[in-house]
Amino acid sequence: MRETGVSDNKSESSFSLRAAALIFKQNKLLVAKSVDYPCYYTVGGAVELNESSKEAVIREVFEETGFTMEIDRLAFVQERFLPVEGKKLHEVVFFYIMKTGGEFTIAENSFTDQPLKETLHWLPLDELYKYNLVPEFLKTKSFDNISGIEHIISKEY
C-alpha cells in the first residue's frame, strides 16, 4: 500500500557521499564559512568517483588548508536526510579525526581554495553550541574520549 504524498520519482531525490575532517588544536575545532551560507561547517567535501572517503578527506584538507594531514581515525558516520532546492537529499558523511602532530599554523580568517568566498575559523570546543554549526550533532559531542565509530541518522524533512 502506498502512503499519501509519497512519490517514487527518483528525480525528486539525490544522493551525496562526503568526507569531513575534524581538526583540533588547543581545544578548538577548525571550520569553514562561506559568504554564500549562514553557517559554519567542517573542512571536507565530496568523494569523487573511484576515490575512497579516506583519500577524499586528505585531498580536501590539503585543498582547503594547504596542509597534508594524516588520518587518526574514523569517528562518525552520518546519514543526513534534508531538503535542498525542493528535492530530498540523502547525504552520507564520514567524519575523520585528523592527526595534528607537528607544526602547522592556520590563521583565523585565512582563505581556503576558494579565495574571497570561503574562510577558515577556530571555534572553541566548549562553545560550539553558540554557533550556527552544521551538522548540528557536533554541537553536543564530547571529543575527549572518542574510541569507537558512532553512526548518526539525522532526518530534517
C-alpha atoms as a PDB file:
ATOM      1  CA  MET A   1       0.000   0.000   0.000  1.00  0.00           C
ATOM      2  CA  ARG A   2       1.309   3.427  -0.912  1.00  0.00           C
ATOM      3  CA  GLU A   3       1.363   6.336   1.557  1.00  0.00           C
ATOM      4  CA  THR A   4      -0.371   9.548   0.586  1.00  0.00           C
ATOM      5  CA  GLY A   5       2.038  12.248  -0.512  1.00  0.00           C
ATOM      6  CA  VAL A   6       4.977   9.888  -1.039  1.00  0.00           C
ATOM      7  CA  SER A   7       6.477   9.849  -4.501  1.00  0.00           C
ATOM      8  CA  ASP A   8       8.609   7.143  -6.034  1.00  0.00           C
ATOM      9  CA  ASN A   9      10.022   9.648  -8.522  1.00  0.00           C
ATOM     10  CA  LYS A  10      13.795   9.406  -8.099  1.00  0.00           C
ATOM     11  CA  SER A  11      14.264  12.754  -9.850  1.00  0.00           C
ATOM     12  CA  GLU A  12      12.872  14.346  -6.683  1.00  0.00           C
ATOM     13  CA  SER A  13      15.744  12.869  -4.667  1.00  0.00           C
ATOM     14  CA  SER A  14      19.518  12.935  -4.772  1.00  0.00           C
ATOM     15  CA  PHE A  15      22.438  11.270  -3.014  1.00  0.00           C
ATOM     16  CA  SER A  16      25.732  12.708  -1.810  1.00  0.00           C
ATOM     17  CA  LEU A  17      28.820  10.963  -0.418  1.00  0.00           C
ATOM     18  CA  ARG A  18      31.170  13.230   1.512  1.00  0.00           C
ATOM     19  CA  ALA A  19      34.223  13.120   3.753  1.00  0.00           C
ATOM     20  CA  ALA A  20      34.844  15.633   6.542  1.00  0.00           C
ATOM     21  CA  ALA A  21      37.853  16.429   8.709  1.00  0.00           C
ATOM     22  CA  LEU A  22      37.766  17.031  12.438  1.00  0.00           C
ATOM     23  CA  ILE A  23      40.885  19.104  13.025  1.00  0.00           C
ATOM     24  CA  PHE A  24      41.576  20.084  16.622  1.00  0.00           C
ATOM     25  CA  LYS A  25      44.177  22.411  18.084  1.00  0.00           C
ATOM     26  CA  GLN A  26      44.293  23.984  21.550  1.00  0.00           C
ATOM     27  CA  ASN A  27      40.706  22.883  22.362  1.00  0.00           C
ATOM     28  CA  LYS A  28      39.353  24.399  19.166  1.00  0.00           C
ATOM     29  CA  LEU A  29      37.778  22.894  16.037  1.00  0.00           C
ATOM     30  CA  LEU A  30      38.738  24.124  12.582  1.00  0.00           C
ATOM     31  CA  VAL A  31      35.701  25.023  10.488  1.00  0.00           C
ATOM     32  CA  ALA A  32      34.969  26.852   7.255  1.00  0.00           C
ATOM     33  CA  LYS A  33      32.496  29.611   6.468  1.00  0.00           C
ATOM     34  CA  SER A  34      31.316  30.761   3.049  1.00  0.00           C
ATOM     35  CA  VAL A  35      29.836  34.127   2.163  1.00  0.00           C
ATOM     36  CA  ASP A  36      27.063  32.108   0.472  1.00  0.00           C
ATOM     37  CA  TYR A  37      25.886  30.287   3.637  1.00  0.00           C
ATOM     38  CA  PRO A  38      24.875  31.471   7.120  1.00  0.00           C
ATOM     39  CA  CYS A  39      26.534  28.528   8.891  1.00  0.00           C
ATOM     40  CA  TYR A  40      29.952  27.161   9.796  1.00  0.00           C
ATOM     41  CA  TYR A  41      30.854  23.655   8.593  1.00  0.00           C
ATOM     42  CA  THR A  42      33.722  21.196   8.774  1.00  0.00           C
ATOM     43  CA  VAL A  43      36.556  21.118   6.283  1.00  0.00           C
ATOM     44  CA  GLY A  44      35.814  18.485   3.657  1.00  0.00           C
ATOM     45  CA  GLY A  45      33.819  17.803   0.549  1.00  0.00           C
ATOM     46  CA  ALA A  46      32.501  15.334  -1.960  1.00  0.00           C
ATOM     47  CA  VAL A  47      34.070  11.935  -2.502  1.00  0.00           C
ATOM     48  CA  GLU A  48      34.883  11.663  -6.194  1.00  0.00           C
ATOM     49  CA  LEU A  49      34.221   8.585  -8.316  1.00  0.00           C
ATOM     50  CA  ASN A  50      36.843   5.881  -7.761  1.00  0.00           C
ATOM     51  CA  GLU A  51      38.122   7.695  -4.656  1.00  0.00           C
ATOM     52  CA  SER A  52      37.833   6.349  -1.107  1.00  0.00           C
ATOM     53  CA  SER A  53      36.499   8.558   1.674  1.00  0.00           C
ATOM     54  CA  LYS A  54      39.977   8.446   3.235  1.00  0.00           C
ATOM     55  CA  GLU A  55      41.600   9.700   0.042  1.00  0.00           C
ATOM     56  CA  ALA A  56      38.901  12.377  -0.266  1.00  0.00           C
ATOM     57  CA  VAL A  57      39.370  13.794   3.233  1.00  0.00           C
ATOM     58  CA  ILE A  58      43.161  14.007   2.814  1.00  0.00           C
ATOM     59  CA  ARG A  59      42.703  15.727  -0.560  1.00  0.00           C
ATOM     60  CA  GLU A  60      40.057  18.133   0.772  1.00  0.00           C
ATOM     61  CA  VAL A  61      42.155  19.071   3.822  1.00  0.00           C
ATOM     62  CA  PHE A  62      45.082  19.879   1.540  1.00  0.00           C
ATOM     63  CA  GLU A  63      42.923  21.866  -0.896  1.00  0.00           C
ATOM     64  CA  GLU A  64      41.271  23.900   1.855  1.00  0.00           C
ATOM     65  CA  THR A  65      44.183  24.393   4.277  1.00  0.00           C
ATOM     66  CA  GLY A  66      47.367  23.858   2.260  1.00  0.00           C
ATOM     67  CA  PHE A  67      48.499  21.161   4.721  1.00  0.00           C
ATOM     68  CA  THR A  68      48.858  17.432   4.143  1.00  0.00           C
ATOM     69  CA  MET A  69      47.478  15.682   7.218  1.00  0.00           C
ATOM     70  CA  GLU A  70      47.165  12.037   8.098  1.00  0.00           C
ATOM     71  CA  ILE A  71      44.036  10.408   9.420  1.00  0.00           C
ATOM     72  CA  ASP A  72      43.970   9.452  13.077  1.00  0.00           C
ATOM     73  CA  ARG A  73      40.676   7.544  12.968  1.00  0.00           C
ATOM     74  CA  LEU A  74      37.099   7.467  11.749  1.00  0.00           C
ATOM     75  CA  ALA A  75      34.842   8.917  14.457  1.00  0.00           C
ATOM     76  CA  PHE A  76      31.361   9.373  12.979  1.00  0.00           C
ATOM     77  CA  VAL A  77      29.305   8.271  10.017  1.00  0.00           C
ATOM     78  CA  GLN A  78      26.276  10.475   9.499  1.00  0.00           C
ATOM     79  CA  GLU A  79      23.306   9.731   7.298  1.00  0.00           C
ATOM     80  CA  ARG A  80      21.543  13.031   6.839  1.00  0.00           C
ATOM     81  CA  PHE A  81      18.196  13.394   5.120  1.00  0.00           C
ATOM     82  CA  LEU A  82      17.480  17.027   4.238  1.00  0.00           C
ATOM     83  CA  PRO A  83      15.634  19.210   1.749  1.00  0.00           C
ATOM     84  CA  VAL A  84      17.806  21.020  -0.795  1.00  0.00           C
ATOM     85  CA  GLU A  85      16.297  23.186  -3.523  1.00  0.00           C
ATOM     86  CA  GLY A  86      12.949  21.396  -3.367  1.00  0.00           C
ATOM     87  CA  LYS A  87      14.469  17.916  -3.516  1.00  0.00           C
ATOM     88  CA  LYS A  88      15.180  15.323  -0.856  1.00  0.00           C
ATOM     89  CA  LEU A  89      18.897  14.799  -0.316  1.00  0.00           C
ATOM     90  CA  HIS A  90      20.295  11.649   1.297  1.00  0.00           C
ATOM     91  CA  GLU A  91      23.833  12.537   2.340  1.00  0.00           C
ATOM     92  CA  VAL A  92      26.351  10.157   3.888  1.00  0.00           C
ATOM     93  CA  VAL A  93      29.365  11.784   5.540  1.00  0.00           C
ATOM     94  CA  PHE A  94      32.441  10.099   7.015  1.00  0.00           C
ATOM     95  CA  PHE A  95      33.968  12.269   9.784  1.00  0.00           C
ATOM     96  CA  TYR A  96      37.667  11.600  10.309  1.00  0.00           C
ATOM     97  CA  ILE A  97      39.754  12.902  13.198  1.00  0.00           C
ATOM     98  CA  MET A  98      42.982  14.137  11.662  1.00  0.00           C
ATOM     99  CA  LYS A  99      46.446  13.860  13.199  1.00  0.00           C
ATOM    100  CA  THR A 100      47.703  17.301  14.061  1.00  0.00           C
ATOM    101  CA  GLY A 101      51.138  16.461  15.411  1.00  0.00           C
ATOM    102  CA  GLY A 102      53.939  18.638  14.163  1.00  0.00           C
ATOM    103  CA  GLU A 103      53.798  22.299  13.401  1.00  0.00           C
ATOM    104  CA  PHE A 104      51.045  23.793  11.345  1.00  0.00           C
ATOM    105  CA  THR A 105      49.560  27.238  11.554  1.00  0.00           C
ATOM    106  CA  ILE A 106      46.192  28.101  10.129  1.00  0.00           C
ATOM    107  CA  ALA A 107      45.330  31.696  10.874  1.00  0.00           C
ATOM    108  CA  GLU A 108      41.824  32.835  11.767  1.00  0.00           C
ATOM    109  CA  ASN A 109      40.010  34.125   8.653  1.00  0.00           C
ATOM    110  CA  SER A 110      42.561  32.625   6.251  1.00  0.00           C
ATOM    111  CA  PHE A 111      41.140  31.727   2.859  1.00  0.00           C
ATOM    112  CA  THR A 112      40.561  28.219   1.563  1.00  0.00           C
ATOM    113  CA  ASP A 113      40.993  27.203  -2.078  1.00  0.00           C
ATOM    114  CA  GLN A 114      38.019  29.491  -2.805  1.00  0.00           C
ATOM    115  CA  PRO A 115      39.625  32.923  -2.259  1.00  0.00           C
ATOM    116  CA  LEU A 116      37.341  35.797  -1.269  1.00  0.00           C
ATOM    117  CA  LYS A 117      34.495  33.333  -0.768  1.00  0.00           C
ATOM    118  CA  GLU A 118      35.393  30.850   1.992  1.00  0.00           C
ATOM    119  CA  THR A 119      37.420  31.373   5.172  1.00  0.00           C
ATOM    120  CA  LEU A 120      38.710  29.159   7.982  1.00  0.00           C
ATOM    121  CA  HIS A 121      37.896  29.691  11.659  1.00  0.00           C
ATOM    122  CA  TRP A 122      38.816  28.129  15.014  1.00  0.00           C
ATOM    123  CA  LEU A 123      35.761  27.586  17.242  1.00  0.00           C
ATOM    124  CA  PRO A 124      36.242  26.795  20.956  1.00  0.00           C
ATOM    125  CA  LEU A 125      35.039  23.241  21.667  1.00  0.00           C
ATOM    126  CA  ASP A 126      33.233  24.260  24.844  1.00  0.00           C
ATOM    127  CA  GLU A 127      31.284  26.940  22.945  1.00  0.00           C
ATOM    128  CA  LEU A 128      30.226  25.067  19.792  1.00  0.00           C
ATOM    129  CA  TYR A 129      26.594  25.239  20.922  1.00  0.00           C
ATOM    130  CA  LYS A 130      26.710  29.035  20.465  1.00  0.00           C
ATOM    131  CA  TYR A 131      27.431  28.835  16.741  1.00  0.00           C
ATOM    132  CA  ASN A 132      25.333  28.062  13.694  1.00  0.00           C
ATOM    133  CA  LEU A 133      27.342  24.900  13.045  1.00  0.00           C
ATOM    134  CA  VAL A 134      26.405  22.165  10.578  1.00  0.00           C
ATOM    135  CA  PRO A 135      25.964  19.338  11.243  1.00  0.00           C
ATOM    136  CA  GLU A 136      24.073  20.026  14.449  1.00  0.00           C
ATOM    137  CA  PHE A 137      25.290  16.892  16.242  1.00  0.00           C
ATOM    138  CA  LEU A 138      28.796  18.368  16.537  1.00  0.00           C
ATOM    139  CA  LYS A 139      27.498  20.966  18.998  1.00  0.00           C
ATOM    140  CA  THR A 140      26.740  18.318  21.621  1.00  0.00           C
ATOM    141  CA  LYS A 141      29.633  15.897  21.240  1.00  0.00           C
ATOM    142  CA  SER A 142      32.496  15.477  23.654  1.00  0.00           C
ATOM    143  CA  PHE A 143      35.662  14.970  21.661  1.00  0.00           C
ATOM    144  CA  ASP A 144      37.813  13.953  24.638  1.00  0.00           C
ATOM    145  CA  ASN A 145      37.400  10.191  24.555  1.00  0.00           C
ATOM    146  CA  ILE A 146      36.170   9.074  21.161  1.00  0.00           C
ATOM    147  CA  SER A 147      37.074   5.408  20.969  1.00  0.00           C
ATOM    148  CA  GLY A 148      34.602   3.858  18.533  1.00  0.00           C
ATOM    149  CA  ILE A 149      32.655   4.858  15.462  1.00  0.00           C
ATOM    150  CA  GLU A 150      29.240   6.389  16.039  1.00  0.00           C
ATOM    151  CA  HIS A 151      26.527   6.111  13.376  1.00  0.00           C
ATOM    152  CA  ILE A 152      24.238   9.150  13.399  1.00  0.00           C
ATOM    153  CA  ILE A 153      20.972   9.439  11.478  1.00  0.00           C
ATOM    154  CA  SER A 154      19.504  12.922  11.056  1.00  0.00           C
ATOM    155  CA  LYS A 155      16.129  13.410   9.389  1.00  0.00           C
ATOM    156  CA  GLU A 156      15.480  17.055   8.598  1.00  0.00           C
ATOM    157  CA  TYR A 157      12.391  16.643   6.404  1.00  0.00           C
END
